PDB file of N, CA and C in Angstrom:
ATOM      1  N   MET A   1     116.416 125.235 -25.074  1.00  0.00           N
ATOM      2  CA  MET A   1     117.421 125.236 -26.129  1.00  0.00           C
ATOM      3  C   MET A   1     118.787 125.494 -25.480  1.00  0.00           C
ATOM      4  N   THR A   2     119.744 124.668 -25.831  1.00  0.00           N
ATOM      5  CA  THR A   2     121.082 124.832 -25.267  1.00  0.00           C
ATOM      6  C   THR A   2     121.804 125.993 -25.918  1.00  0.00           C
ATOM      7  N   ASP A   3     122.892 126.368 -25.297  1.00  0.00           N
ATOM      8  CA  ASP A   3     123.694 127.483 -25.796  1.00  0.00           C
ATOM      9  C   ASP A   3     124.229 127.186 -27.197  1.00  0.00           C
ATOM     10  N   ILE A   4     124.671 125.958 -27.415  1.00  0.00           N
ATOM     11  CA  ILE A   4     125.205 125.570 -28.729  1.00  0.00           C
ATOM     12  C   ILE A   4     124.111 125.617 -29.786  1.00  0.00           C
ATOM     13  N   GLN A   5     122.939 125.126 -29.460  1.00  0.00           N
ATOM     14  CA  GLN A   5     121.828 125.161 -30.415  1.00  0.00           C
ATOM     15  C   GLN A   5     121.451 126.606 -30.753  1.00  0.00           C
ATOM     16  N   GLN A   6     121.475 127.461 -29.740  1.00  0.00           N
ATOM     17  CA  GLN A   6     121.148 128.867 -29.960  1.00  0.00           C
ATOM     18  C   GLN A   6     122.172 129.514 -30.892  1.00  0.00           C
ATOM     19  N   LYS A   7     123.442 129.209 -30.687  1.00  0.00           N
ATOM     20  CA  LYS A   7     124.484 129.755 -31.559  1.00  0.00           C
ATOM     21  C   LYS A   7     124.316 129.261 -32.989  1.00  0.00           C
ATOM     22  N   LYS A   8     123.961 127.981 -33.145  1.00  0.00           N
ATOM     23  CA  LYS A   8     123.729 127.440 -34.485  1.00  0.00           C
ATOM     24  C   LYS A   8     122.573 128.156 -35.162  1.00  0.00           C
ATOM     25  N   GLU A   9     121.521 128.391 -34.418  1.00  0.00           N
ATOM     26  CA  GLU A   9     120.369 129.105 -34.981  1.00  0.00           C
ATOM     27  C   GLU A   9     120.750 130.529 -35.377  1.00  0.00           C
ATOM     28  N   ASN A  10     121.552 131.174 -34.548  1.00  0.00           N
ATOM     29  CA  ASN A  10     122.005 132.536 -34.870  1.00  0.00           C
ATOM     30  C   ASN A  10     122.833 132.544 -36.148  1.00  0.00           C
ATOM     31  N   VAL A  11     123.718 131.567 -36.282  1.00  0.00           N
ATOM     32  CA  VAL A  11     124.549 131.477 -37.485  1.00  0.00           C
ATOM     33  C   VAL A  11     123.669 131.248 -38.704  1.00  0.00           C
ATOM     34  N   LYS A  12     122.707 130.346 -38.590  1.00  0.00           N
ATOM     35  CA  LYS A  12     121.783 130.086 -39.709  1.00  0.00           C
ATOM     36  C   LYS A  12     121.039 131.352 -40.105  1.00  0.00           C
ATOM     37  N   MET A  13     120.581 132.084 -39.098  1.00  0.00           N
ATOM     38  CA  MET A  13     119.826 133.309 -39.362  1.00  0.00           C
ATOM     39  C   MET A  13     120.705 134.330 -40.091  1.00  0.00           C
ATOM     40  N   HIS A  14     121.937 134.495 -39.613  1.00  0.00           N
ATOM     41  CA  HIS A  14     122.853 135.440 -40.260  1.00  0.00           C
ATOM     42  C   HIS A  14     123.168 135.006 -41.694  1.00  0.00           C
ATOM     43  N   LEU A  15     123.400 133.729 -41.892  1.00  0.00           N
ATOM     44  CA  LEU A  15     123.691 133.226 -43.240  1.00  0.00           C
ATOM     45  C   LEU A  15     122.518 133.434 -44.187  1.00  0.00           C
ATOM     46  N   LYS A  16     121.330 133.183 -43.685  1.00  0.00           N
ATOM     47  CA  LYS A  16     120.135 133.370 -44.510  1.00  0.00           C
ATOM     48  C   LYS A  16     119.993 134.838 -44.919  1.00  0.00           C
ATOM     49  N   ASP A  17     120.223 135.735 -43.980  1.00  0.00           N
ATOM     50  CA  ASP A  17     120.130 137.167 -44.261  1.00  0.00           C
ATOM     51  C   ASP A  17     121.189 137.595 -45.273  1.00  0.00           C
ATOM     52  N   LEU A  18     122.426 137.133 -45.077  1.00  0.00           N
ATOM     53  CA  LEU A  18     123.490 137.455 -46.026  1.00  0.00           C
ATOM     54  C   LEU A  18     123.177 136.930 -47.412  1.00  0.00           C
ATOM     55  N   ARG A  19     122.688 135.724 -47.467  1.00  0.00           N
ATOM     56  CA  ARG A  19     122.353 135.109 -48.758  1.00  0.00           C
ATOM     57  C   ARG A  19     121.303 135.928 -49.497  1.00  0.00           C
ATOM     58  N   GLN A  20     120.275 136.350 -48.792  1.00  0.00           N
ATOM     59  CA  GLN A  20     119.223 137.156 -49.410  1.00  0.00           C
ATOM     60  C   GLN A  20     119.783 138.482 -49.921  1.00  0.00           C
ATOM     61  N   ASN A  21     120.617 139.111 -49.114  1.00  0.00           N
ATOM     62  CA  ASN A  21     121.210 140.382 -49.526  1.00  0.00           C
ATOM     63  C   ASN A  21     122.101 140.211 -50.745  1.00  0.00           C
ATOM     64  N   LEU A  22     122.892 139.160 -50.749  1.00  0.00           N
ATOM     65  CA  LEU A  22     123.784 138.912 -51.882  1.00  0.00           C
ATOM     66  C   LEU A  22     123.011 138.550 -53.144  1.00  0.00           C
ATOM     67  N   LYS A  23     121.937 137.786 -52.991  1.00  0.00           N
ATOM     68  CA  LYS A  23     121.092 137.453 -54.146  1.00  0.00           C
ATOM     69  C   LYS A  23     120.509 138.713 -54.768  1.00  0.00           C
ATOM     70  N   LYS A  24     120.010 139.587 -53.914  1.00  0.00           N
ATOM     71  CA  LYS A  24     119.422 140.837 -54.395  1.00  0.00           C
ATOM     72  C   LYS A  24     120.472 141.667 -55.131  1.00  0.00           C
ATOM     73  N   MET A  25     121.655 141.765 -54.536  1.00  0.00           N
ATOM     74  CA  MET A  25     122.729 142.530 -55.150  1.00  0.00           C
ATOM     75  C   MET A  25     123.130 141.910 -56.489  1.00  0.00           C
ATOM     76  N   HIS A  26     123.200 140.613 -56.541  1.00  0.00           N
ATOM     77  CA  HIS A  26     123.560 139.905 -57.772  1.00  0.00           C
ATOM     78  C   HIS A  26     122.540 140.183 -58.879  1.00  0.00           C
ATOM     79  N   LEU A  27     121.268 140.111 -58.551  1.00  0.00           N
ATOM     80  CA  LEU A  27     120.223 140.391 -59.538  1.00  0.00           C
ATOM     81  C   LEU A  27     120.314 141.818 -60.060  1.00  0.00           C
ATOM     82  N   GLU A  28     120.579 142.747 -59.163  1.00  0.00           N
ATOM     83  CA  GLU A  28     120.701 144.139 -59.595  1.00  0.00           C
ATOM     84  C   GLU A  28     121.863 144.305 -60.578  1.00  0.00           C
ATOM     85  N   VAL A  29     122.952 143.628 -60.305  1.00  0.00           N
ATOM     86  CA  VAL A  29     124.128 143.753 -61.173  1.00  0.00           C
ATOM     87  C   VAL A  29     123.896 143.060 -62.504  1.00  0.00           C
ATOM     88  N   THR A  30     123.374 141.835 -62.468  1.00  0.00           N
ATOM     89  CA  THR A  30     123.264 141.047 -63.694  1.00  0.00           C
ATOM     90  C   THR A  30     122.064 141.408 -64.555  1.00  0.00           C
ATOM     91  N   GLU A  31     120.941 141.692 -63.926  1.00  0.00           N
ATOM     92  CA  GLU A  31     119.725 141.943 -64.716  1.00  0.00           C
ATOM     93  C   GLU A  31     119.456 143.423 -64.959  1.00  0.00           C
ATOM     94  N   GLU A  32     119.702 144.220 -63.951  1.00  0.00           N
ATOM     95  CA  GLU A  32     119.382 145.640 -64.083  1.00  0.00           C
ATOM     96  C   GLU A  32     120.616 146.484 -64.403  1.00  0.00           C
ATOM     97  N   LEU A  33     121.777 145.827 -64.397  1.00  0.00           N
ATOM     98  CA  LEU A  33     123.048 146.500 -64.685  1.00  0.00           C
ATOM     99  C   LEU A  33     123.298 147.691 -63.763  1.00  0.00           C
ATOM    100  N   ILE A  34     122.947 147.491 -62.500  1.00  0.00           N
ATOM    101  CA  ILE A  34     123.136 148.525 -61.485  1.00  0.00           C
ATOM    102  C   ILE A  34     124.221 148.054 -60.525  1.00  0.00           C
ATOM    103  N   LEU A  35     125.257 148.855 -60.370  1.00  0.00           N
ATOM    104  CA  LEU A  35     126.301 148.510 -59.410  1.00  0.00           C
ATOM    105  C   LEU A  35     125.813 148.824 -57.990  1.00  0.00           C
ATOM    106  N   PRO A  36     126.207 148.008 -57.038  1.00  0.00           N
ATOM    107  CA  PRO A  36     125.770 148.275 -55.658  1.00  0.00           C
ATOM    108  C   PRO A  36     126.400 149.558 -55.113  1.00  0.00           C
ATOM    109  N   LYS A  37     125.680 150.172 -54.215  1.00  0.00           N
ATOM    110  CA  LYS A  37     126.200 151.370 -53.567  1.00  0.00           C
ATOM    111  C   LYS A  37     127.295 150.943 -52.593  1.00  0.00           C
ATOM    112  N   PRO A  38     128.328 151.751 -52.474  1.00  0.00           N
ATOM    113  CA  PRO A  38     129.404 151.401 -51.534  1.00  0.00           C
ATOM    114  C   PRO A  38     128.896 151.149 -50.109  1.00  0.00           C
ATOM    115  N   ASP A  39     127.914 151.906 -49.701  1.00  0.00           N
ATOM    116  CA  ASP A  39     127.341 151.719 -48.365  1.00  0.00           C
ATOM    117  C   ASP A  39     126.722 150.328 -48.199  1.00  0.00           C
ATOM    118  N   ASP A  40     126.055 149.871 -49.244  1.00  0.00           N
ATOM    119  CA  ASP A  40     125.440 148.543 -49.194  1.00  0.00           C
ATOM    120  C   ASP A  40     126.496 147.445 -49.078  1.00  0.00           C
ATOM    121  N   VAL A  41     127.581 147.635 -49.794  1.00  0.00           N
ATOM    122  CA  VAL A  41     128.678 146.658 -49.735  1.00  0.00           C
ATOM    123  C   VAL A  41     129.296 146.670 -48.338  1.00  0.00           C
ATOM    124  N   LYS A  42     129.486 147.845 -47.775  1.00  0.00           N
ATOM    125  CA  LYS A  42     130.051 147.962 -46.424  1.00  0.00           C
ATOM    126  C   LYS A  42     129.141 147.295 -45.391  1.00  0.00           C
ATOM    127  N   LYS A  43     127.837 147.473 -45.546  1.00  0.00           N
ATOM    128  CA  LYS A  43     126.884 146.839 -44.619  1.00  0.00           C
ATOM    129  C   LYS A  43     127.003 145.323 -44.679  1.00  0.00           C
ATOM    130  N   LEU A  44     127.090 144.788 -45.885  1.00  0.00           N
ATOM    131  CA  LEU A  44     127.243 143.341 -46.030  1.00  0.00           C
ATOM    132  C   LEU A  44     128.558 142.850 -45.435  1.00  0.00           C
ATOM    133  N   MET A  45     129.592 143.606 -45.635  1.00  0.00           N
ATOM    134  CA  MET A  45     130.891 143.228 -45.062  1.00  0.00           C
ATOM    135  C   MET A  45     130.823 143.230 -43.534  1.00  0.00           C
ATOM    136  N   ASN A  46     130.141 144.210 -42.975  1.00  0.00           N
ATOM    137  CA  ASN A  46     129.980 144.261 -41.521  1.00  0.00           C
ATOM    138  C   ASN A  46     129.177 143.067 -41.013  1.00  0.00           C
ATOM    139  N   LYS A  47     128.147 142.693 -41.765  1.00  0.00           N
ATOM    140  CA  LYS A  47     127.359 141.519 -41.381  1.00  0.00           C
ATOM    141  C   LYS A  47     128.209 140.259 -41.411  1.00  0.00           C
ATOM    142  N   MET A  48     129.069 140.157 -42.416  1.00  0.00           N
ATOM    143  CA  MET A  48     129.956 138.997 -42.506  1.00  0.00           C
ATOM    144  C   MET A  48     130.950 138.979 -41.349  1.00  0.00           C
ATOM    145  N   ASP A  49     131.452 140.137 -40.991  1.00  0.00           N
ATOM    146  CA  ASP A  49     132.362 140.222 -39.847  1.00  0.00           C
ATOM    147  C   ASP A  49     131.682 139.778 -38.563  1.00  0.00           C
ATOM    148  N   LYS A  50     130.438 140.210 -38.382  1.00  0.00           N
ATOM    149  CA  LYS A  50     129.682 139.796 -37.193  1.00  0.00           C
ATOM    150  C   LYS A  50     129.483 138.285 -37.171  1.00  0.00           C
ATOM    151  N   LEU A  51     129.197 137.739 -38.318  1.00  0.00           N
ATOM    152  CA  LEU A  51     129.006 136.296 -38.410  1.00  0.00           C
ATOM    153  C   LEU A  51     130.313 135.555 -38.085  1.00  0.00           C
ATOM    154  N   LEU A  52     131.408 136.038 -38.609  1.00  0.00           N
ATOM    155  CA  LEU A  52     132.704 135.429 -38.298  1.00  0.00           C
ATOM    156  C   LEU A  52     132.996 135.461 -36.807  1.00  0.00           C
ATOM    157  N   LYS A  53     132.701 136.578 -36.167  1.00  0.00           N
ATOM    158  CA  LYS A  53     132.916 136.691 -34.730  1.00  0.00           C
ATOM    159  C   LYS A  53     132.035 135.705 -33.971  1.00  0.00           C
ATOM    160  N   LEU A  54     130.817 135.569 -34.428  1.00  0.00           N
ATOM    161  CA  LEU A  54     129.892 134.636 -33.783  1.00  0.00           C
ATOM    162  C   LEU A  54     130.397 133.197 -33.916  1.00  0.00           C
ATOM    163  N   ILE A  55     130.899 132.863 -35.075  1.00  0.00           N
ATOM    164  CA  ILE A  55     131.419 131.527 -35.317  1.00  0.00           C
ATOM    165  C   ILE A  55     132.685 131.279 -34.492  1.00  0.00           C
ATOM    166  N   GLU A  56     133.532 132.270 -34.388  1.00  0.00           N
ATOM    167  CA  GLU A  56     134.785 132.120 -33.649  1.00  0.00           C
ATOM    168  C   GLU A  56     134.557 131.932 -32.159  1.00  0.00           C
ATOM    169  N   LEU A  57     133.399 132.304 -31.655  1.00  0.00           N
ATOM    170  CA  LEU A  57     133.099 132.154 -30.220  1.00  0.00           C
ATOM    171  C   LEU A  57     132.942 130.692 -29.816  1.00  0.00           C
ATOM    172  N   LYS A  58     132.750 129.843 -30.781  1.00  0.00           N
ATOM    173  CA  LYS A  58     132.513 128.426 -30.472  1.00  0.00           C
ATOM    174  C   LYS A  58     133.750 127.739 -29.972  1.00  0.00           C
TER     175      LYS A  58
END
């Protein structure tokens, strides 16, 4: 696997993880009427920052 392919796979993996986390958070807000914990939001923001850094390396 080339370096570019590996980076693409890493980006896909990060996006998939973020999507799952955001879906879960959305369901909690809309169906259970539970606001996310600030820590959970910060974790997601950190994951997004990591993904941005990974993308910018290209």
